[in-house]
C-alpha atoms as a PDB file:
ATOM      1  CA  MET A   1       0.000   0.000   0.000  1.00  0.00           C
ATOM      2  CA  ARG A   2       1.311   3.466  -0.891  1.00  0.00           C
ATOM      3  CA  ASP A   3      -0.141   6.944  -0.806  1.00  0.00           C
ATOM      4  CA  GLN A   4       1.258  10.442  -0.524  1.00  0.00           C
ATOM      5  CA  SER A   5       1.347  10.645   3.263  1.00  0.00           C
ATOM      6  CA  VAL A   6       1.776   7.137   4.661  1.00  0.00           C
ATOM      7  CA  ARG A   7       3.433   3.960   3.501  1.00  0.00           C
ATOM      8  CA  ILE A   8       3.121   0.461   4.895  1.00  0.00           C
ATOM      9  CA  GLU A   9       6.021  -1.962   4.949  1.00  0.00           C
ATOM     10  CA  ARG A  10       5.141  -5.599   5.603  1.00  0.00           C
ATOM     11  CA  ALA A  11       7.747  -8.168   6.610  1.00  0.00           C
ATOM     12  CA  ALA A  12       7.280 -11.854   5.858  1.00  0.00           C
ATOM     13  CA  SER A  13       7.542 -12.494   9.597  1.00  0.00           C
ATOM     14  CA  GLY A  14       4.210 -10.755  10.220  1.00  0.00           C
ATOM     15  CA  ILE A  15       5.472  -7.380  11.474  1.00  0.00           C
ATOM     16  CA  ALA A  16       3.968  -4.381   9.663  1.00  0.00           C
ATOM     17  CA  THR A  17       5.454  -0.884   9.820  1.00  0.00           C
ATOM     18  CA  VAL A  18       3.312   2.210   9.256  1.00  0.00           C
ATOM     19  CA  VAL A  19       5.598   5.048   8.166  1.00  0.00           C
ATOM     20  CA  LEU A  20       4.465   8.674   8.392  1.00  0.00           C
ATOM     21  CA  ASP A  21       5.767   9.962   5.071  1.00  0.00           C
ATOM     22  CA  ARG A  22       5.551  13.751   4.920  1.00  0.00           C
ATOM     23  CA  PRO A  23       9.205  14.484   5.749  1.00  0.00           C
ATOM     24  CA  ALA A  24       9.176  17.917   4.123  1.00  0.00           C
ATOM     25  CA  ALA A  25       6.377  18.872   6.534  1.00  0.00           C
ATOM     26  CA  ARG A  26       8.040  17.102   9.481  1.00  0.00           C
ATOM     27  CA  ASN A  27       5.278  14.481   9.219  1.00  0.00           C
ATOM     28  CA  ALA A  28       2.725  17.004  10.439  1.00  0.00           C
ATOM     29  CA  MET A  29      -0.778  15.570  10.468  1.00  0.00           C
ATOM     30  CA  ASN A  30      -3.302  16.758   7.913  1.00  0.00           C
ATOM     31  CA  PRO A  31      -6.624  15.138   6.908  1.00  0.00           C
ATOM     32  CA  GLU A  32      -4.939  12.907   4.332  1.00  0.00           C
ATOM     33  CA  LEU A  33      -2.354  11.554   6.778  1.00  0.00           C
ATOM     34  CA  ILE A  34      -4.943  11.161   9.537  1.00  0.00           C
ATOM     35  CA  GLY A  35      -7.229   9.168   7.249  1.00  0.00           C
ATOM     36  CA  ALA A  36      -4.358   7.043   5.960  1.00  0.00           C
ATOM     37  CA  VAL A  37      -3.092   6.162   9.453  1.00  0.00           C
ATOM     38  CA  THR A  38      -6.614   5.341  10.627  1.00  0.00           C
ATOM     39  CA  GLY A  39      -7.210   3.112   7.620  1.00  0.00           C
ATOM     40  CA  ALA A  40      -3.837   1.425   7.985  1.00  0.00           C
ATOM     41  CA  PHE A  41      -4.330   0.509  11.638  1.00  0.00           C
ATOM     42  CA  LYS A  42      -7.888  -0.718  11.082  1.00  0.00           C
ATOM     43  CA  SER A  43      -6.809  -2.849   8.137  1.00  0.00           C
ATOM     44  CA  LEU A  44      -3.694  -4.280   9.790  1.00  0.00           C
ATOM     45  CA  SER A  45      -5.509  -4.911  13.069  1.00  0.00           C
ATOM     46  CA  GLY A  46      -8.029  -7.076  11.230  1.00  0.00           C
ATOM     47  CA  ASP A  47      -5.390  -9.040   9.309  1.00  0.00           C
ATOM     48  CA  ALA A  48      -4.671 -12.429  10.887  1.00  0.00           C
ATOM     49  CA  ALA A  49      -1.250 -12.538   9.189  1.00  0.00           C
ATOM     50  CA  VAL A  50      -0.114  -9.426  11.098  1.00  0.00           C
ATOM     51  CA  ARG A  51       1.504 -10.148  14.462  1.00  0.00           C
ATOM     52  CA  GLY A  52       2.589  -6.649  15.442  1.00  0.00           C
ATOM     53  CA  ILE A  53       2.515  -3.057  14.196  1.00  0.00           C
ATOM     54  CA  VAL A  54       5.355  -0.522  14.330  1.00  0.00           C
ATOM     55  CA  ILE A  55       4.766   3.165  13.613  1.00  0.00           C
ATOM     56  CA  ALA A  56       7.705   5.335  12.566  1.00  0.00           C
ATOM     57  CA  GLY A  57       8.416   8.651  10.850  1.00  0.00           C
ATOM     58  CA  ALA A  58      10.341   9.310   7.634  1.00  0.00           C
ATOM     59  CA  GLY A  59      12.943  12.073   7.608  1.00  0.00           C
ATOM     60  CA  PRO A  60      14.494  13.938  10.532  1.00  0.00           C
ATOM     61  CA  VAL A  61      11.584  13.775  13.007  1.00  0.00           C
ATOM     62  CA  PHE A  62       8.870  11.361  14.086  1.00  0.00           C
ATOM     63  CA  CYS A  63       5.943  13.806  14.020  1.00  0.00           C
ATOM     64  CA  ALA A  64       5.688  17.559  14.584  1.00  0.00           C
ATOM     65  CA  GLY A  65       1.997  17.391  15.506  1.00  0.00           C
ATOM     66  CA  ALA A  66      -0.953  18.752  13.554  1.00  0.00           C
ATOM     67  CA  ASP A  67      -0.395  20.729  10.371  1.00  0.00           C
ATOM     68  CA  LEU A  68      -1.165  24.275  11.495  1.00  0.00           C
ATOM     69  CA  ASN A  69      -2.218  25.284   7.977  1.00  0.00           C
ATOM     70  CA  TRP A  70      -5.000  22.717   8.298  1.00  0.00           C
ATOM     71  CA  MET A  71      -5.795  23.785  11.872  1.00  0.00           C
ATOM     72  CA  ARG A  72      -6.122  27.397  10.743  1.00  0.00           C
ATOM     73  CA  GLU A  73      -8.726  26.595   8.095  1.00  0.00           C
ATOM     74  CA  VAL A  74     -11.702  27.060  10.408  1.00  0.00           C
ATOM     75  CA  SER A  75     -12.663  30.615   9.574  1.00  0.00           C
ATOM     76  CA  GLY A  76     -16.436  30.860   9.331  1.00  0.00           C
ATOM     77  CA  GLN A  77     -17.002  27.357  10.717  1.00  0.00           C
ATOM     78  CA  THR A  78     -19.156  26.666  13.737  1.00  0.00           C
ATOM     79  CA  GLU A  79     -17.829  24.776  16.770  1.00  0.00           C
ATOM     80  CA  THR A  80     -19.985  21.819  15.691  1.00  0.00           C
ATOM     81  CA  GLU A  81     -18.343  21.764  12.282  1.00  0.00           C
ATOM     82  CA  ILE A  82     -14.863  22.038  13.810  1.00  0.00           C
ATOM     83  CA  ALA A  83     -15.701  19.216  16.237  1.00  0.00           C
ATOM     84  CA  ALA A  84     -16.716  16.978  13.319  1.00  0.00           C
ATOM     85  CA  ASP A  85     -13.320  17.652  11.754  1.00  0.00           C
ATOM     86  CA  ALA A  86     -11.504  16.902  15.018  1.00  0.00           C
ATOM     87  CA  ARG A  87     -13.459  13.687  15.430  1.00  0.00           C
ATOM     88  CA  ARG A  88     -11.454  12.188  12.562  1.00  0.00           C
ATOM     89  CA  LEU A  89      -8.284  12.859  14.538  1.00  0.00           C
ATOM     90  CA  GLN A  90      -9.837  11.244  17.596  1.00  0.00           C
ATOM     91  CA  GLU A  91     -10.732   8.211  15.494  1.00  0.00           C
ATOM     92  CA  MET A  92      -7.094   7.867  14.429  1.00  0.00           C
ATOM     93  CA  TYR A  93      -5.869   7.694  18.027  1.00  0.00           C
ATOM     94  CA  ARG A  94      -8.600   5.209  18.887  1.00  0.00           C
ATOM     95  CA  ALA A  95      -7.617   3.024  15.932  1.00  0.00           C
ATOM     96  CA  ILE A  96      -4.039   2.915  17.237  1.00  0.00           C
ATOM     97  CA  ALA A  97      -4.891   2.440  20.916  1.00  0.00           C
ATOM     98  CA  GLY A  98      -7.714   0.009  20.197  1.00  0.00           C
ATOM     99  CA  SER A  99      -5.719  -2.311  17.959  1.00  0.00           C
ATOM    100  CA  LEU A 100      -5.672  -5.867  19.292  1.00  0.00           C
ATOM    101  CA  LYS A 101      -2.189  -6.274  17.817  1.00  0.00           C
ATOM    102  CA  PRO A 102       0.798  -5.151  19.911  1.00  0.00           C
ATOM    103  CA  THR A 103       1.877  -1.678  18.756  1.00  0.00           C
ATOM    104  CA  LEU A 104       5.271  -0.009  18.992  1.00  0.00           C
ATOM    105  CA  ALA A 105       6.316   3.580  18.302  1.00  0.00           C
ATOM    106  CA  ARG A 106       9.852   4.076  16.942  1.00  0.00           C
ATOM    107  CA  VAL A 107      10.497   7.697  17.882  1.00  0.00           C
ATOM    108  CA  HIS A 108      13.317   9.979  16.782  1.00  0.00           C
ATOM    109  CA  GLY A 109      14.000  13.673  16.272  1.00  0.00           C
ATOM    110  CA  ALA A 110      10.855  15.167  17.753  1.00  0.00           C
ATOM    111  CA  ALA A 111       7.343  14.232  18.845  1.00  0.00           C
ATOM    112  CA  PHE A 112       5.289  17.356  19.457  1.00  0.00           C
ATOM    113  CA  ALA A 113       1.625  17.933  20.329  1.00  0.00           C
ATOM    114  CA  GLY A 114      -0.486  15.467  18.334  1.00  0.00           C
ATOM    115  CA  GLY A 115       2.652  13.448  17.623  1.00  0.00           C
ATOM    116  CA  LEU A 116       2.886  12.914  21.354  1.00  0.00           C
ATOM    117  CA  GLY A 117      -0.631  11.536  21.177  1.00  0.00           C
ATOM    118  CA  ILE A 118       0.503   8.839  18.735  1.00  0.00           C
ATOM    119  CA  VAL A 119       3.298   7.921  21.145  1.00  0.00           C
ATOM    120  CA  ALA A 120       0.845   7.722  24.058  1.00  0.00           C
ATOM    121  CA  ALA A 121      -1.583   5.561  22.069  1.00  0.00           C
ATOM    122  CA  CYS A 122       1.028   2.840  21.427  1.00  0.00           C
ATOM    123  CA  ASP A 123       1.713  -0.090  23.742  1.00  0.00           C
ATOM    124  CA  ILE A 124       5.500   0.111  23.555  1.00  0.00           C
ATOM    125  CA  VAL A 125       7.676   3.163  22.903  1.00  0.00           C
ATOM    126  CA  VAL A 126      11.350   3.088  21.968  1.00  0.00           C
ATOM    127  CA  ALA A 127      13.046   6.443  21.373  1.00  0.00           C
ATOM    128  CA  HIS A 128      16.385   7.977  20.501  1.00  0.00           C
ATOM    129  CA  VAL A 129      17.732   9.613  23.655  1.00  0.00           C
ATOM    130  CA  SER A 130      17.997  13.007  21.902  1.00  0.00           C
ATOM    131  CA  THR A 131      14.350  13.036  20.806  1.00  0.00           C
ATOM    132  CA  ARG A 132      12.517  16.187  21.888  1.00  0.00           C
ATOM    133  CA  PHE A 133       9.028  15.775  23.337  1.00  0.00           C
ATOM    134  CA  CYS A 134       6.654  18.693  23.822  1.00  0.00           C
ATOM    135  CA  LEU A 135       2.963  19.224  24.448  1.00  0.00           C
ATOM    136  CA  SER A 136       2.967  22.659  22.852  1.00  0.00           C
ATOM    137  CA  GLU A 137      -0.767  23.431  22.594  1.00  0.00           C
ATOM    138  CA  VAL A 138      -0.999  26.132  25.278  1.00  0.00           C
ATOM    139  CA  ARG A 139       1.648  28.166  23.452  1.00  0.00           C
ATOM    140  CA  LEU A 140      -0.837  28.361  20.581  1.00  0.00           C
ATOM    141  CA  GLY A 141      -3.816  29.159  22.769  1.00  0.00           C
ATOM    142  CA  ILE A 142      -5.418  25.741  22.309  1.00  0.00           C
ATOM    143  CA  LEU A 143      -5.854  22.610  24.443  1.00  0.00           C
ATOM    144  CA  PRO A 144      -4.540  19.031  24.072  1.00  0.00           C
ATOM    145  CA  ALA A 145      -8.090  17.791  24.572  1.00  0.00           C
ATOM    146  CA  ILE A 146      -8.154  14.998  21.972  1.00  0.00           C
ATOM    147  CA  ILE A 147      -4.978  13.340  23.252  1.00  0.00           C
ATOM    148  CA  ALA A 148      -5.554  14.012  26.967  1.00  0.00           C
ATOM    149  CA  PRO A 149      -7.166  10.612  27.726  1.00  0.00           C
ATOM    150  CA  PHE A 150      -4.262   8.733  26.128  1.00  0.00           C
ATOM    151  CA  LEU A 151      -1.591  10.761  27.905  1.00  0.00           C
ATOM    152  CA  LEU A 152      -3.362  10.568  31.268  1.00  0.00           C
ATOM    153  CA  SER A 153      -3.546   6.804  30.925  1.00  0.00           C
ATOM    154  CA  LYS A 154       0.140   6.632  30.025  1.00  0.00           C
ATOM    155  CA  ILE A 155       1.829   9.080  32.414  1.00  0.00           C
ATOM    156  CA  GLY A 156      -0.761  10.060  35.045  1.00  0.00           C
ATOM    157  CA  ALA A 157      -2.101  13.449  36.106  1.00  0.00           C
ATOM    158  CA  SER A 158       1.094  14.861  37.640  1.00  0.00           C
ATOM    159  CA  TRP A 159       3.324  14.521  34.581  1.00  0.00           C
ATOM    160  CA  PHE A 160       0.432  15.422  32.272  1.00  0.00           C
ATOM    161  CA  ARG A 161      -0.007  18.696  34.158  1.00  0.00           C
ATOM    162  CA  TYR A 162       3.734  19.316  33.859  1.00  0.00           C
ATOM    163  CA  LEU A 163       3.690  18.884  30.082  1.00  0.00           C
ATOM    164  CA  ALA A 164       0.299  20.455  29.348  1.00  0.00           C
ATOM    165  CA  LEU A 165       0.585  23.573  31.507  1.00  0.00           C
ATOM    166  CA  THR A 166       4.212  24.464  30.756  1.00  0.00           C
ATOM    167  CA  ALA A 167       4.673  23.303  27.144  1.00  0.00           C
ATOM    168  CA  ALA A 168       8.166  22.349  28.308  1.00  0.00           C
ATOM    169  CA  THR A 169      10.406  20.461  25.904  1.00  0.00           C
ATOM    170  CA  VAL A 170      11.937  17.310  27.406  1.00  0.00           C
ATOM    171  CA  ASP A 171      14.435  14.756  26.126  1.00  0.00           C
ATOM    172  CA  GLY A 172      14.199  10.985  25.911  1.00  0.00           C
ATOM    173  CA  GLN A 173      15.668  10.479  29.352  1.00  0.00           C
ATOM    174  CA  LEU A 174      13.001  12.539  31.117  1.00  0.00           C
ATOM    175  CA  ALA A 175      10.287  11.089  28.872  1.00  0.00           C
ATOM    176  CA  ARG A 176      11.375   7.681  30.109  1.00  0.00           C
ATOM    177  CA  THR A 177      11.162   8.844  33.720  1.00  0.00           C
ATOM    178  CA  MET A 178       7.597   9.977  33.039  1.00  0.00           C
ATOM    179  CA  GLY A 179       6.652   6.576  31.651  1.00  0.00           C
ATOM    180  CA  LEU A 180       5.990   7.984  28.182  1.00  0.00           C
ATOM    181  CA  VAL A 181       8.975   6.079  26.775  1.00  0.00           C
ATOM    182  CA  HIS A 182       9.916   2.540  27.787  1.00  0.00           C
ATOM    183  CA  GLU A 183      13.404   2.286  26.300  1.00  0.00           C
ATOM    184  CA  ILE A 184      15.919   4.799  24.950  1.00  0.00           C
ATOM    185  CA  ALA A 185      18.723   4.288  22.443  1.00  0.00           C
ATOM    186  CA  ALA A 186      21.999   6.140  22.076  1.00  0.00           C
ATOM    187  CA  ASP A 187      22.038   6.090  18.260  1.00  0.00           C
ATOM    188  CA  ASP A 188      20.011   5.028  15.225  1.00  0.00           C
ATOM    189  CA  SER A 189      21.648   1.615  15.072  1.00  0.00           C
ATOM    190  CA  GLU A 190      20.699   0.842  18.668  1.00  0.00           C
ATOM    191  CA  LEU A 191      17.217   2.230  18.084  1.00  0.00           C
ATOM    192  CA  ASP A 192      16.670  -0.164  15.172  1.00  0.00           C
ATOM    193  CA  ALA A 193      18.124  -3.046  17.179  1.00  0.00           C
ATOM    194  CA  ARG A 194      15.733  -2.395  20.071  1.00  0.00           C
ATOM    195  CA  VAL A 195      12.765  -2.207  17.689  1.00  0.00           C
ATOM    196  CA  GLU A 196      13.858  -5.486  16.095  1.00  0.00           C
ATOM    197  CA  ALA A 197      14.203  -7.112  19.519  1.00  0.00           C
ATOM    198  CA  HIS A 198      10.645  -6.116  20.401  1.00  0.00           C
ATOM    199  CA  ALA A 199       9.426  -7.379  17.030  1.00  0.00           C
ATOM    200  CA  GLU A 200      10.871 -10.766  17.963  1.00  0.00           C
ATOM    201  CA  LEU A 201       9.038 -10.626  21.285  1.00  0.00           C
ATOM    202  CA  MET A 202       5.794  -9.870  19.424  1.00  0.00           C
ATOM    203  CA  LEU A 203       6.354 -12.896  17.208  1.00  0.00           C
ATOM    204  CA  GLY A 204       6.982 -15.083  20.219  1.00  0.00           C
ATOM    205  CA  ALA A 205       3.677 -14.200  21.886  1.00  0.00           C
ATOM    206  CA  ALA A 206       0.416 -16.016  21.221  1.00  0.00           C
ATOM    207  CA  PRO A 207      -1.784 -13.713  19.069  1.00  0.00           C
ATOM    208  CA  GLY A 208      -5.038 -14.597  20.812  1.00  0.00           C
ATOM    209  CA  ALA A 209      -3.549 -14.194  24.265  1.00  0.00           C
ATOM    210  CA  VAL A 210      -2.148 -10.781  23.311  1.00  0.00           C
ATOM    211  CA  ALA A 211      -5.534  -9.619  22.006  1.00  0.00           C
ATOM    212  CA  HIS A 212      -7.377 -10.801  25.127  1.00  0.00           C
ATOM    213  CA  CYS A 213      -4.702  -9.294  27.376  1.00  0.00           C
ATOM    214  CA  LYS A 214      -5.091  -5.897  25.714  1.00  0.00           C
ATOM    215  CA  GLU A 215      -8.862  -6.085  26.130  1.00  0.00           C
ATOM    216  CA  MET A 216      -8.438  -7.037  29.792  1.00  0.00           C
ATOM    217  CA  ILE A 217      -6.061  -4.132  30.475  1.00  0.00           C
ATOM    218  CA  ASP A 218      -8.365  -1.632  28.762  1.00  0.00           C
ATOM    219  CA  ASP A 219     -11.328  -2.952  30.723  1.00  0.00           C
ATOM    220  CA  LEU A 220      -9.476  -2.683  34.026  1.00  0.00           C
ATOM    221  CA  MET A 221      -8.332   0.860  33.192  1.00  0.00           C
ATOM    222  CA  ALA A 222     -11.903   1.883  32.372  1.00  0.00           C
ATOM    223  CA  HIS A 223     -13.339   0.087  35.410  1.00  0.00           C
ATOM    224  CA  PRO A 224     -10.623  -0.158  38.081  1.00  0.00           C
ATOM    225  CA  GLU A 225     -13.097  -1.676  40.506  1.00  0.00           C
ATOM    226  CA  GLN A 226     -13.033  -4.735  38.234  1.00  0.00           C
ATOM    227  CA  ALA A 227      -9.651  -5.666  39.715  1.00  0.00           C
ATOM    228  CA  LEU A 228     -11.478  -6.423  42.956  1.00  0.00           C
ATOM    229  CA  LEU A 229     -13.916  -8.776  41.248  1.00  0.00           C
ATOM    230  CA  SER A 230     -12.113 -12.066  41.784  1.00  0.00           C
ATOM    231  CA  ASP A 231     -14.763 -14.071  39.905  1.00  0.00           C
ATOM    232  CA  GLU A 232     -14.092 -12.121  36.714  1.00  0.00           C
ATOM    233  CA  MET A 233     -10.333 -12.578  37.029  1.00  0.00           C
ATOM    234  CA  LEU A 234     -10.860 -16.295  37.666  1.00  0.00           C
ATOM    235  CA  ARG A 235     -13.007 -16.526  34.538  1.00  0.00           C
ATOM    236  CA  LEU A 236     -10.351 -14.843  32.399  1.00  0.00           C
ATOM    237  CA  ASN A 237      -7.628 -17.059  33.817  1.00  0.00           C
ATOM    238  CA  ALA A 238      -9.634 -20.251  33.304  1.00  0.00           C
ATOM    239  CA  HIS A 239     -10.624 -19.276  29.767  1.00  0.00           C
ATOM    240  CA  ALA A 240      -6.987 -18.644  28.816  1.00  0.00           C
ATOM    241  CA  ARG A 241      -5.744 -21.890  30.342  1.00  0.00           C
ATOM    242  CA  ALA A 242      -8.442 -23.926  28.596  1.00  0.00           C
ATOM    243  CA  SER A 243      -7.953 -22.269  25.211  1.00  0.00           C
ATOM    244  CA  ALA A 244      -6.105 -23.932  22.341  1.00  0.00           C
ATOM    245  CA  GLU A 245      -3.328 -21.368  22.661  1.00  0.00           C
ATOM    246  CA  GLY A 246      -3.007 -21.907  26.373  1.00  0.00           C
ATOM    247  CA  GLN A 247      -2.796 -25.674  26.002  1.00  0.00           C
ATOM    248  CA  GLU A 248      -0.295 -25.377  23.151  1.00  0.00           C
ATOM    249  CA  GLY A 249       1.897 -22.957  25.090  1.00  0.00           C
ATOM    250  CA  ILE A 250       1.999 -25.181  28.171  1.00  0.00           C
ATOM    251  CA  ALA A 251       2.633 -28.305  26.083  1.00  0.00           C
ATOM    252  CA  ALA A 252       5.452 -26.595  24.175  1.00  0.00           C
ATOM    253  CA  PHE A 253       7.134 -25.545  27.408  1.00  0.00           C
ATOM    254  CA  LEU A 254       6.909 -29.027  28.911  1.00  0.00           C
ATOM    255  CA  GLU A 255       8.106 -30.628  25.669  1.00  0.00           C
ATOM    256  CA  ARG A 256      10.955 -28.117  25.365  1.00  0.00           C
ATOM    257  CA  ARG A 257       9.947 -26.907  21.925  1.00  0.00           C
ATOM    258  CA  LYS A 258       8.727 -23.679  20.390  1.00  0.00           C
ATOM    259  CA  PRO A 259       4.940 -23.133  20.287  1.00  0.00           C
ATOM    260  CA  ARG A 260       3.270 -23.164  16.879  1.00  0.00           C
ATOM    261  CA  TRP A 261       2.961 -19.387  16.775  1.00  0.00           C
ATOM    262  CA  SER A 262       6.668 -18.765  17.400  1.00  0.00           C
ATOM    263  CA  ALA A 263       8.587 -16.916  14.702  1.00  0.00           C
ATOM    264  CA  THR A 264      11.123 -19.745  14.439  1.00  0.00           C
ATOM    265  CA  ASN A 265       8.361 -22.080  13.279  1.00  0.00           C
ATOM    266  CA  ARG A 266       7.312 -19.909  10.369  1.00  0.00           C
END
């Protein structure tokens, strides 16, 4: 698949990479890119051959946020009309966060504003240590409302206040302290190696178990009281153990072999 703003690279192993491909615009998000990313994640998430999804940026930065030329084109529009436009952006983040495939953001250069939302929507984040992160909306007189739920879930209220109220620019090291980034790399070679290592981990995990685990985590985040409902946790545990994947995984361990879904068996 190829269009003017996004390209998809598919490896035979089952790992798909969604590349933001507007390098001249620092991969700033416009309606075309937003629609392409949404479509890509929905399509890949429904593809049984896909075992994991990486999102990366072409050129010197990961994503500079929303294209301000697009954001400015609201003259004469009502708030309802603007909200309908913003809903497409919200749908993009939901497509990333709601994917039942494991997702990984490969971040370099800069991730600003809406680009930070993409980072927050992914399960795993690996970044170059020199990457600059900034929630710059208040400098422009606007709010990071669309991405707020994803950032709050990722880094909590304290760090979200720090980023949202100050528009401070932080590096990979501090982003890791916040919990926004899981691993940092000293150079591009190490960054690629860490992404590849996580791709191998994705290929070693049972696809059904991963999907159910993501659903469970989302459910517990939305309803934290669920963690106290031991019957529900027992049901999930029993269902997983009795499933074909669960039985295969246990048998493979006891028989000292790789399970059928393992990358080395492909």
